[in-house]
Protein backbone atom coordinates (compact mmCIF):
# COMPACT_ATOMS: atom_id res chain seq x y z
CA MET A 1 2.89 11.38 2.02
CA LEU A 2 3.18 7.89 3.47
CA GLY A 3 4.52 6.44 0.21
CA GLY A 4 7.16 9.13 -0.14
CA PHE A 5 8.74 8.47 3.25
CA LEU A 6 8.72 4.65 3.33
CA LEU A 7 12.17 4.01 1.87
CA LEU A 8 13.65 6.75 4.04
CA GLY A 9 11.97 5.17 7.06
CA GLY A 10 13.39 1.78 6.13
CA ARG A 11 16.95 3.07 5.85
CA LEU A 12 16.65 5.02 9.10
CA ALA A 13 15.45 1.85 10.83
CA ASP A 14 18.39 -0.16 9.51
CA SER A 15 20.90 2.53 10.45
CA PHE A 16 19.69 3.86 13.80
CA GLY A 17 17.63 1.04 15.25
CA ARG A 18 14.32 -0.46 14.19
CA ARG A 19 12.65 -0.25 17.58
CA ARG A 20 13.85 3.32 18.00
CA MET A 21 12.29 4.30 14.65
CA LEU A 22 9.11 2.40 15.55
CA GLN A 23 8.80 4.44 18.75
CA ALA A 24 9.62 7.67 16.94
CA GLY A 25 6.96 6.89 14.34
CA PHE A 26 4.30 6.34 17.00
CA VAL A 27 5.18 9.61 18.74
CA VAL A 28 5.15 11.59 15.49
CA PHE A 29 1.88 10.01 14.40
CA ALA A 30 0.18 10.63 17.76
CA SER A 31 1.37 14.24 17.90
CA ALA A 32 0.24 14.92 14.33
CA SER A 33 -3.14 13.32 15.10
CA LEU A 34 -3.62 15.65 18.05
CA VAL A 35 -2.86 18.69 15.89
CA SER A 36 -5.17 17.39 13.14
CA GLY A 37 -8.08 17.17 15.54
CA LEU A 38 -7.41 20.68 16.83
CA ALA A 39 -6.90 22.21 13.37
CA GLN A 40 -8.93 25.34 12.71
CA ASN A 41 -8.07 25.73 9.03
CA GLY A 42 -7.13 23.67 6.00
CA THR A 43 -3.45 24.62 6.01
CA THR A 44 -2.95 23.34 9.55
CA LEU A 45 -4.84 20.14 8.83
CA ILE A 46 -2.90 19.40 5.65
CA THR A 47 0.43 20.05 7.36
CA ALA A 48 -0.49 17.81 10.28
CA ARG A 49 -1.63 15.09 7.88
CA CYS A 50 1.79 15.26 6.18
CA PHE A 51 3.44 14.56 9.51
CA GLN A 52 0.98 11.73 10.04
CA GLY A 53 2.30 10.28 6.79
CA LEU A 54 5.86 10.55 8.04
CA GLY A 55 4.95 8.82 11.30
CA SER A 56 3.07 6.07 9.44
CA ALA A 57 6.04 5.49 7.15
CA LEU A 58 8.40 5.09 10.11
CA ILE A 59 5.98 2.68 11.81
CA THR A 60 5.29 0.58 8.72
CA ALA A 61 8.89 0.21 7.56
CA ALA A 62 10.25 -0.42 11.06
CA ALA A 63 7.54 -2.92 12.02
CA LEU A 64 7.90 -5.03 8.88
CA SER A 65 11.70 -4.97 9.06
CA ILE A 66 11.52 -6.06 12.73
CA LEU A 67 9.30 -8.94 11.69
CA THR A 68 11.53 -10.11 8.83
CA SER A 69 14.76 -9.71 10.80
CA THR A 70 13.33 -11.54 13.82
CA PHE A 71 12.09 -14.61 11.92
CA ALA A 72 14.44 -16.61 9.72
CA ALA A 73 13.47 -17.08 6.07
CA GLY A 74 11.24 -20.10 5.63
CA ARG A 75 8.28 -21.50 7.55
CA ASP A 76 8.55 -19.18 10.57
CA ARG A 77 8.78 -15.99 8.52
CA ASN A 78 6.00 -17.12 6.19
CA LYS A 79 3.68 -17.69 9.13
CA ALA A 80 4.61 -14.35 10.66
CA VAL A 81 3.98 -12.50 7.38
CA GLY A 82 0.69 -14.38 7.08
CA VAL A 83 -0.40 -13.07 10.46
CA TRP A 84 0.77 -9.60 9.41
CA GLY A 85 -1.34 -9.80 6.26
CA SER A 86 -4.39 -11.04 8.15
CA LEU A 87 -4.19 -8.27 10.73
CA THR A 88 -3.64 -5.67 8.01
CA GLY A 89 -6.85 -6.69 6.25
CA ILE A 90 -8.84 -6.76 9.46
CA ALA A 91 -7.41 -3.46 10.70
CA SER A 92 -8.28 -1.67 7.47
CA ILE A 93 -11.94 -2.62 7.83
CA VAL A 94 -12.05 -1.88 11.56
CA GLY A 95 -10.68 1.56 10.71
CA VAL A 96 -13.50 2.19 8.24
CA ILE A 97 -16.15 1.03 10.72
CA LEU A 98 -14.68 2.97 13.63
CA GLY A 99 -14.30 6.06 11.46
CA GLY A 100 -17.97 5.90 10.55
CA VAL A 101 -19.02 5.45 14.18
CA LEU A 102 -16.89 8.35 15.41
CA SER A 103 -17.79 10.76 12.63
CA GLY A 104 -21.46 10.01 13.12
CA GLY A 105 -21.21 10.24 16.91
CA PRO A 106 -18.87 12.50 18.89
CA GLY A 107 -17.49 14.18 15.74
CA TRP A 108 -14.85 13.88 13.04
CA GLU A 109 -12.14 15.24 15.35
CA TRP A 110 -12.22 11.98 17.28
CA ILE A 111 -11.03 10.12 14.21
CA PHE A 112 -7.70 11.80 14.95
CA TRP A 113 -7.82 12.12 18.73
CA ILE A 114 -8.34 8.41 19.28
CA ASN A 115 -4.87 7.85 17.79
CA VAL A 116 -3.16 9.90 20.51
CA PRO A 117 -3.40 7.49 23.49
CA ILE A 118 -2.92 4.49 21.20
CA GLY A 119 0.23 5.89 19.60
CA LEU A 120 1.82 7.12 22.83
CA GLY A 121 0.91 3.88 24.60
CA ALA A 122 2.49 1.79 21.83
CA ALA A 123 5.67 3.89 21.98
CA ALA A 124 5.90 3.41 25.76
CA LEU A 125 5.29 -0.36 25.59
CA ALA A 126 7.64 -1.05 22.67
CA PRO A 127 10.83 -1.50 24.79
CA ARG A 128 9.08 -4.19 26.86
CA ILE A 129 7.90 -6.15 23.85
CA VAL A 130 10.18 -5.50 20.85
CA PRO A 131 13.92 -6.22 20.87
CA GLU A 132 16.20 -3.59 19.35
CA SER A 133 17.96 -4.45 16.11
CA ARG A 134 19.87 -2.66 13.40
CA ALA A 135 22.28 -3.39 10.57
CA GLU A 136 25.40 -5.06 11.96
CA GLY A 137 28.86 -3.65 11.57
CA ARG A 138 30.35 -0.19 11.77
CA ARG A 139 27.79 2.57 11.30
CA ARG A 140 28.25 4.13 7.88
CA PRO A 141 27.70 7.80 7.02
CA PHE A 142 24.07 8.54 6.27
CA ASP A 143 23.40 9.25 2.59
CA ALA A 144 21.63 12.60 3.01
CA ALA A 145 21.75 13.52 -0.70
CA GLY A 146 20.28 10.17 -1.73
CA ALA A 147 17.59 10.43 0.94
CA ALA A 148 16.63 13.95 -0.17
CA THR A 149 16.39 13.17 -3.89
CA LEU A 150 14.56 9.85 -3.45
CA THR A 151 12.07 11.12 -0.88
CA GLY A 152 11.45 14.28 -2.87
CA GLY A 153 10.94 12.31 -6.07
CA LEU A 154 8.52 9.85 -4.50
CA LEU A 155 6.53 12.58 -2.75
CA LEU A 156 6.24 14.55 -5.98
CA LEU A 157 5.28 11.43 -7.95
CA ILE A 158 2.47 10.37 -5.61
CA PHE A 159 1.18 13.95 -5.32
CA THR A 160 1.22 14.39 -9.11
CA LEU A 161 -0.63 11.14 -9.73
CA GLY A 162 -3.27 12.11 -7.20
CA GLU A 163 -3.77 15.53 -8.74
CA ALA A 164 -3.68 14.46 -12.40
CA THR A 165 -7.37 13.57 -12.45
CA HIS A 166 -8.25 17.10 -11.33
CA VAL A 167 -5.90 19.21 -13.44
CA GLY A 168 -5.58 16.88 -16.44
CA TRP A 169 -2.80 14.63 -17.70
CA GLY A 170 -1.87 17.04 -20.48
CA SER A 171 -1.70 20.14 -18.28
CA PHE A 172 1.56 22.04 -17.85
CA ARG A 173 1.40 21.36 -14.12
CA THR A 174 1.20 17.57 -14.52
CA ILE A 175 3.83 17.35 -17.27
CA GLY A 176 6.17 19.70 -15.41
CA SER A 177 5.78 17.71 -12.20
CA LEU A 178 6.52 14.41 -13.98
CA VAL A 179 9.65 15.96 -15.50
CA GLY A 180 10.64 17.03 -12.00
CA VAL A 181 10.06 13.46 -10.77
CA ALA A 182 12.30 12.10 -13.52
CA VAL A 183 15.08 14.58 -12.70
CA LEU A 184 14.98 13.77 -8.99
CA LEU A 185 14.93 9.99 -9.46
CA VAL A 186 17.72 10.03 -12.07
CA SER A 187 19.75 12.21 -9.70
CA PHE A 188 19.11 9.63 -6.98
CA LEU A 189 20.42 6.81 -9.20
CA VAL A 190 23.54 8.81 -10.07
CA ILE A 191 24.19 9.57 -6.40
CA GLU A 192 23.68 5.95 -5.33
CA ALA A 193 26.07 4.70 -8.02
CA ARG A 194 28.86 6.99 -6.78
CA VAL A 195 28.46 7.38 -3.03
CA LYS A 196 30.40 5.03 -0.73
CA SER A 197 27.48 4.38 1.61
CA PRO A 198 24.32 4.50 -0.53
CA MET A 199 20.88 4.80 0.97
CA VAL A 200 19.72 1.93 -1.25
CA SER A 201 22.37 -0.29 -2.80
CA LEU A 202 21.50 -0.65 -6.49
CA ARG A 203 22.57 -4.28 -6.25
CA ILE A 204 19.31 -4.98 -4.45
CA PHE A 205 17.52 -4.64 -7.80
CA ARG A 206 19.49 -7.58 -9.20
CA LEU A 207 17.37 -9.92 -7.09
CA LYS A 208 14.84 -11.19 -9.60
CA THR A 209 12.19 -12.39 -7.15
CA MET A 210 12.30 -9.14 -5.19
CA ARG A 211 12.20 -7.08 -8.39
CA THR A 212 9.23 -9.02 -9.75
CA ALA A 213 7.42 -8.85 -6.43
CA ASN A 214 7.65 -5.07 -6.35
CA LEU A 215 6.61 -4.67 -9.99
CA SER A 216 3.61 -6.91 -9.39
CA ALA A 217 2.70 -4.94 -6.28
CA VAL A 218 2.58 -1.71 -8.26
CA LEU A 219 -0.01 -3.26 -10.59
CA VAL A 220 -2.09 -5.40 -8.27
CA PHE A 221 -2.50 -2.77 -5.56
CA ALA A 222 -3.46 -0.32 -8.26
CA SER A 223 -6.41 -2.65 -8.87
CA LEU A 224 -7.74 -2.13 -5.36
CA PHE A 225 -9.27 1.25 -6.19
CA MET A 226 -12.87 0.87 -5.07
CA GLN A 227 -15.96 3.02 -5.15
CA GLN A 228 -18.92 3.00 -2.81
CA VAL A 229 -21.15 1.64 -5.54
CA TYR A 230 -24.43 1.86 -3.77
CA GLY A 231 -23.98 5.20 -2.01
CA TYR A 232 -23.73 3.69 1.47
CA SER A 233 -23.06 5.86 4.52
CA PRO A 234 -19.52 5.52 6.00
CA MET A 235 -20.78 3.23 8.78
CA ARG A 236 -22.86 1.03 6.50
CA ALA A 237 -20.02 0.82 3.98
CA GLY A 238 -17.66 -0.26 6.75
CA PHE A 239 -19.89 -3.08 7.89
CA ALA A 240 -20.48 -4.09 4.27
CA TYR A 241 -16.74 -4.70 3.97
CA VAL A 242 -16.55 -7.03 6.99
CA PRO A 243 -16.79 -10.20 4.82
CA LEU A 244 -14.00 -8.76 2.69
CA ALA A 245 -11.78 -8.39 5.77
CA VAL A 246 -12.51 -11.95 6.88
CA SER A 247 -11.68 -13.34 3.45
CA VAL A 248 -8.46 -11.28 3.32
CA ALA A 249 -7.40 -12.90 6.59
CA ALA A 250 -8.27 -16.33 5.21
CA GLY A 251 -6.35 -15.70 1.99
CA ALA A 252 -3.31 -14.51 3.94
CA GLY A 253 -3.33 -17.66 6.05
CA ILE A 254 -3.69 -19.92 3.02
CA ALA A 255 -0.82 -18.22 1.19
CA SER A 256 1.59 -18.35 4.15
CA SER A 257 0.87 -22.07 4.50
CA LEU A 258 1.22 -22.87 0.80
CA ILE A 259 4.52 -21.05 0.35
CA THR A 260 6.17 -23.40 2.84
CA LYS A 261 5.33 -26.24 0.44
CA MET A 262 5.74 -24.68 -3.02
CA ALA A 263 7.18 -21.71 -4.89
CA ALA A 264 5.66 -18.26 -4.65
CA ARG A 265 4.79 -18.12 -8.36
CA PRO A 266 1.79 -20.53 -8.43
CA VAL A 267 0.41 -19.04 -5.19
CA LEU A 268 0.67 -15.53 -6.60
CA ILE A 269 -0.93 -16.55 -9.90
CA THR A 270 -3.80 -18.26 -8.09
CA GLY A 271 -4.38 -15.19 -5.93
CA LEU A 272 -4.38 -12.91 -8.95
CA VAL A 273 -6.85 -15.12 -10.83
CA ILE A 274 -9.24 -15.02 -7.86
CA THR A 275 -8.75 -11.25 -7.51
CA VAL A 276 -9.49 -10.55 -11.17
CA THR A 277 -12.53 -12.84 -10.99
CA GLY A 278 -13.88 -10.85 -8.03
CA LEU A 279 -13.34 -7.57 -9.86
CA LEU A 280 -15.13 -8.83 -12.96
CA LEU A 281 -18.07 -9.97 -10.83
CA ILE A 282 -18.30 -6.52 -9.26
CA TRP A 283 -18.08 -5.00 -12.74
CA ARG A 284 -21.19 -6.95 -13.71
CA ALA A 285 -23.10 -5.96 -10.53
CA PRO A 286 -26.16 -3.83 -11.40
CA ALA A 287 -26.59 -0.44 -9.76
CA ASP A 288 -30.00 -1.45 -8.43
CA GLY A 289 -28.87 -4.85 -7.19
CA SER A 290 -28.72 -6.12 -3.62
CA TYR A 291 -25.73 -6.62 -1.37
CA ALA A 292 -26.37 -10.31 -0.67
CA VAL A 293 -26.93 -11.27 -4.30
CA ASP A 294 -24.60 -8.97 -6.22
CA LEU A 295 -21.75 -7.91 -3.89
CA LEU A 296 -21.18 -10.53 -1.21
CA ALA A 297 -19.69 -13.25 -3.43
CA PRO A 298 -17.44 -10.81 -5.35
CA PHE A 299 -16.23 -9.32 -2.05
CA LEU A 300 -15.36 -12.78 -0.73
CA ALA A 301 -13.46 -13.63 -3.91
CA LEU A 302 -11.69 -10.26 -3.96
CA GLY A 303 -10.65 -10.54 -0.32
CA LEU A 304 -9.43 -14.12 -0.68
CA GLY A 305 -7.37 -13.27 -3.75
CA CYS A 306 -5.95 -10.06 -2.33
CA GLY A 307 -4.97 -11.77 0.91
CA MET A 308 -3.05 -14.41 -1.03
CA VAL A 309 -1.39 -11.82 -3.26
CA TYR A 310 -0.45 -9.48 -0.42
CA VAL A 311 1.29 -12.12 1.68
CA THR A 312 2.99 -13.77 -1.30
CA LEU A 313 4.44 -10.47 -2.47
CA GLN A 314 5.61 -9.60 1.04
CA ILE A 315 7.44 -12.91 1.36
CA ALA A 316 8.89 -12.82 -2.16
CA ALA A 317 10.08 -9.24 -1.71
CA PHE A 318 12.49 -10.33 1.04
CA VAL A 319 14.06 -13.26 -0.81
CA GLY A 320 17.82 -12.73 -0.95
CA ILE A 321 17.76 -9.56 1.16
CA SER A 322 20.12 -9.65 4.12
CA GLU A 323 19.06 -8.88 7.68
CA ALA A 324 21.07 -5.67 7.46
CA ALA A 325 18.87 -4.44 4.61
CA ALA A 326 15.53 -5.54 6.09
CA GLY A 327 14.37 -1.96 6.52
CA VAL A 328 15.12 -1.07 2.91
CA GLY A 329 13.30 -4.20 1.73
CA ALA A 330 10.27 -3.28 3.84
CA GLY A 331 10.31 0.27 2.54
CA LEU A 332 10.65 -0.87 -1.06
CA ILE A 333 7.68 -3.26 -1.14
CA ASN A 334 5.45 -0.82 0.74
CA THR A 335 6.51 2.06 -1.50
CA SER A 336 5.50 -0.06 -4.49
CA GLN A 337 2.08 -0.59 -2.95
CA GLU A 338 1.59 3.11 -2.21
CA ALA A 339 2.81 4.17 -5.66
CA GLY A 340 0.58 1.52 -7.22
CA GLY A 341 -2.42 2.81 -5.31
CA ALA A 342 -1.76 6.38 -6.45
CA LEU A 343 -1.18 5.27 -10.03
CA GLY A 344 -4.31 3.11 -10.02
CA LEU A 345 -6.42 5.90 -8.56
CA ALA A 346 -5.22 8.33 -11.22
CA VAL A 347 -5.54 5.98 -14.20
CA VAL A 348 -8.82 4.35 -13.19
CA ALA A 349 -10.45 7.63 -12.22
CA THR A 350 -9.44 9.11 -15.56
CA ILE A 351 -10.99 6.17 -17.43
CA ALA A 352 -14.08 5.94 -15.26
CA TYR A 353 -15.07 9.58 -15.19
CA SER A 354 -14.13 10.56 -18.72
CA GLY A 355 -17.15 12.41 -20.11
CA ILE A 356 -19.25 12.02 -16.97
CA THR A 357 -19.60 15.79 -16.52
CA SER A 358 -21.49 16.14 -19.80
CA ARG A 359 -23.66 13.12 -19.00
CA LEU A 360 -24.58 14.52 -15.59
CA ALA A 361 -25.38 17.86 -17.15
CA ALA A 362 -27.55 16.19 -19.81
CA ALA A 363 -29.41 14.24 -17.11
CA GLY A 364 -30.59 17.44 -15.49
CA GLY A 365 -32.68 16.47 -12.48
CA ASP A 366 -33.68 13.05 -13.76
CA LEU A 367 -32.69 10.69 -10.94
CA VAL A 368 -32.75 7.62 -13.18
CA LEU A 369 -30.36 9.20 -15.70
CA LEU A 370 -28.10 10.42 -12.91
CA ARG A 371 -27.94 6.91 -11.43
CA ASP A 372 -27.22 5.41 -14.84
CA ALA A 373 -24.36 7.86 -15.44
CA GLN A 374 -22.79 7.03 -12.07
CA ALA A 375 -23.30 3.30 -12.61
CA SER A 376 -21.61 3.52 -16.00
CA ALA A 377 -18.61 5.27 -14.48
CA ASN A 378 -18.35 2.63 -11.73
CA HIS A 379 -18.54 -0.20 -14.25
CA ARG A 380 -15.70 1.33 -16.28
CA ALA A 381 -13.68 1.67 -13.09
CA PHE A 382 -14.11 -1.98 -12.14
CA LEU A 383 -13.31 -3.16 -15.66
CA ALA A 384 -10.17 -1.02 -15.71
CA THR A 385 -9.04 -2.40 -12.36
CA ALA A 386 -9.63 -5.94 -13.61
CA CYS A 387 -7.43 -5.17 -16.62
CA LEU A 388 -4.65 -3.92 -14.32
CA GLY A 389 -4.97 -7.12 -12.31
CA PHE A 390 -4.71 -9.15 -15.50
CA VAL A 391 -1.50 -7.34 -16.46
CA ALA A 392 -0.11 -8.23 -13.03
CA LEU A 393 -1.15 -11.84 -13.67
CA LEU A 394 0.78 -11.90 -16.95
CA LEU A 395 3.81 -10.39 -15.23
CA ALA A 396 3.76 -13.05 -12.52
CA ALA A 397 3.27 -15.84 -15.06
CA PHE A 398 6.08 -14.87 -17.43
CA VAL A 399 8.62 -12.95 -15.34
CA MET A 400 8.61 -14.39 -11.83
CA PRO A 401 11.18 -17.19 -11.27
CA ARG A 402 9.91 -20.75 -11.43
CA GLY A 403 10.51 -23.45 -8.86
CA LYS A 404 10.71 -23.46 -5.09
CA ALA A 405 14.49 -23.08 -5.20
CA SER A 406 14.04 -19.55 -6.51
CA MET A 407 12.78 -18.55 -3.09
CA SER A 408 16.14 -19.17 -1.44
CA SER A 409 18.97 -19.39 -3.95
CA GLU A 410 19.56 -15.76 -4.83
CA THR A 411 22.63 -13.81 -3.82
CA THR A 412 22.23 -11.54 -0.85
CA PRO A 413 23.39 -7.96 -1.53
CA VAL A 414 25.91 -6.37 0.76
């Protein structure tokens, strides 16, 4: 749900105030978290989780657009995005660790309830810390038709990709849903080409660096689909990823520093090479190996590469985008990441678990055969993700603009 609402959240932030949308996002997220923890049935929980996605989308798009509109393009913005990338990597791991501690202690409900005071507190403190900003000029009519078709198309796309591994790619449900996605997104393009005040100006896609950054994000974040290879508990898995979080922070800092001295292209390529190397090392890790010998080095490489890629794509995605369109730019790059994650999950899971049902059935109760079947599936998953990363590497190498001037010389859309 998060991915489907990101572009809408970005446009709302540009139109009605970025701090206002940030506060609204925190309130919606906190309220939905409270309901999630109190849910007595699956329907209530799923509905509340959908509203959590809406709140997260408002927070993410508004926060990143505040950051990019506050800091001018160049050294200051690069450093700020570097800090953003570092904190994102650290926060993701802290979330895993804290989730394991809470679910193993006071109960799973506290995974949601802990968000309530944090979200409401952040909403209350925002006016004291964050300045208000929005697109300058006369407020234009809101493009409701464009918002409805785009959000509906993205929601249906991400849901369909997530469900494809369960119902099958060739099923009527999957094919029908993809046709529906195509109809909604084509309708969106037609609306945006004709309406006077489009939700997303199609001229934004003429910016080559931004376009390449978003295409690369779809592929590289698809490669981040990971499995708990060794069957760790949630808490143990969280702590196992701590070195990954540290290396993500280091990679983000390195990238933000390098981009002030050179073009984004070589930094992105370097990050992708390191990422693919880490994935290939994990692919070769034996199922009966040890963490220190077989996983630590690959995790460090993967985190370093991903940190560099994440920050580079974030910076490149805003090249040529005006301050008035900061929210749309934030929504676009984050939507690419979410769509890439859903696409990667669907494609990699399909490759990894093809035929595993028959292998598990043939294994019977033999624990060795069961472990071998699971290990084989994991190895296929890691190899597939490495291949996706390699495709992203080729895209960056042959499509992304060359030279440092490409980071500043593009025409800003109106």
